[in-house]
Protein backbone atom coordinates (compact mmCIF):
# COMPACT_ATOMS: atom_id res chain seq x y z
CA MET A 1 13.17 24.64 -105.11
CA LYS A 2 13.52 26.99 -108.08
CA VAL A 3 15.49 29.42 -105.93
CA ARG A 4 18.02 26.69 -105.10
CA LEU A 5 18.32 25.74 -108.77
CA ILE A 6 18.82 29.36 -109.82
CA GLY A 7 21.42 29.79 -107.08
CA LEU A 8 23.28 26.71 -108.28
CA LEU A 9 23.24 27.95 -111.86
CA ILE A 10 24.60 31.34 -110.77
CA SER A 11 27.35 29.66 -108.78
CA LEU A 12 28.15 27.44 -111.77
CA VAL A 13 28.58 30.49 -114.01
CA GLY A 14 30.68 32.15 -111.31
CA SER A 15 32.83 29.07 -110.98
CA ILE A 16 33.39 28.90 -114.72
CA SER A 17 34.45 32.56 -114.89
CA THR A 18 36.68 32.11 -111.84
CA PHE A 19 38.19 29.02 -113.44
CA MET A 20 38.93 30.88 -116.66
CA SER A 21 40.56 33.83 -114.88
CA ALA A 22 42.58 31.52 -112.62
CA TYR A 23 43.58 29.45 -115.64
CA PHE A 24 44.87 32.58 -117.38
CA LEU A 25 46.69 33.89 -114.30
CA VAL A 26 48.29 30.54 -113.52
CA PHE A 27 49.60 30.01 -117.01
CA VAL A 28 50.88 33.57 -117.23
CA SER A 29 52.58 33.73 -113.83
CA VAL A 30 53.39 30.19 -112.67
CA ARG A 31 56.11 28.11 -114.28
CA GLY A 32 55.65 24.83 -112.38
CA TRP A 33 53.52 22.34 -114.30
CA LEU A 34 52.63 20.38 -111.16
CA LEU A 35 51.09 23.43 -109.48
CA LYS A 36 49.17 24.19 -112.69
CA LEU A 37 47.75 20.67 -112.73
CA VAL A 38 46.73 20.83 -109.06
CA ILE A 39 44.93 24.16 -109.49
CA ILE A 40 43.14 23.01 -112.65
CA ASP A 41 42.20 19.73 -110.96
CA VAL A 42 40.66 21.56 -108.00
CA TYR A 43 38.56 23.80 -110.24
CA VAL A 44 37.40 20.87 -112.38
CA MET A 45 36.37 18.99 -109.23
CA VAL A 46 34.38 22.02 -108.04
CA LEU A 47 32.61 22.30 -111.40
CA LEU A 48 31.80 18.58 -111.38
CA ALA A 49 30.41 18.81 -107.85
CA ILE A 50 28.15 21.71 -108.82
CA GLY A 51 26.98 19.86 -111.93
CA PHE A 52 26.25 16.76 -109.84
CA GLU A 53 24.13 18.84 -107.42
CA ILE A 54 22.14 20.31 -110.32
CA VAL A 55 21.46 16.83 -111.71
CA LYS A 56 20.38 15.63 -108.25
CA LEU A 57 17.97 18.56 -107.92
CA LEU A 58 16.49 17.92 -111.36
CA LEU A 59 16.01 14.23 -110.66
CA ASN A 60 14.23 14.97 -107.39
CA THR A 61 11.56 17.08 -109.10
CA ASN A 62 8.79 16.30 -111.55
CA LEU A 63 11.36 15.23 -114.12
CA GLN A 64 11.78 11.96 -112.24
CA ARG A 65 8.04 11.26 -112.43
CA PHE A 66 7.93 12.23 -116.09
CA LEU A 67 10.85 9.94 -116.96
CA SER A 68 9.38 7.02 -115.04
CA GLU A 69 6.05 7.38 -116.87
CA LEU A 70 7.87 7.70 -120.17
CA VAL A 71 9.79 4.49 -119.52
CA LEU A 72 6.59 2.64 -118.63
CA ARG A 73 4.86 3.83 -121.80
CA ALA A 74 7.86 2.92 -123.94
CA MET A 75 7.87 -0.73 -122.83
CA PRO A 76 7.59 -3.10 -125.83
CA GLU A 77 4.25 -4.60 -124.77
CA ASN A 78 2.70 -1.14 -124.47
CA LEU A 79 3.91 -0.18 -127.94
CA VAL A 80 2.93 -3.41 -129.74
CA LYS A 81 -0.59 -3.94 -128.33
CA PRO A 82 -2.13 -0.76 -129.83
CA LEU A 83 -0.58 -1.55 -133.21
CA LEU A 84 -2.12 -5.03 -133.23
CA GLY A 85 -5.50 -3.80 -132.00
CA MET A 86 -5.14 -5.44 -128.59
CA ASP A 87 -5.38 -2.30 -126.51
CA HIS A 88 -8.22 -3.63 -124.32
């Protein structure tokens, strides 16, 4: 699981650096604004897809259990009862 997450982070960094170099090359060499928009749109979609996969991986791990327990403990009745001395 950690190996997949590390691999996704490495690919995210690689995609960002590729995006920056392609962004520079496109704006230096290409004059057509439509082609620039298409290339930028493709790279942004790739970055969003990678980010979505990272979020899915994080939500499938212990973070999901931690967040669900946190939500249950933060319910109003669980916060008010100890303050009023009704924790039994």
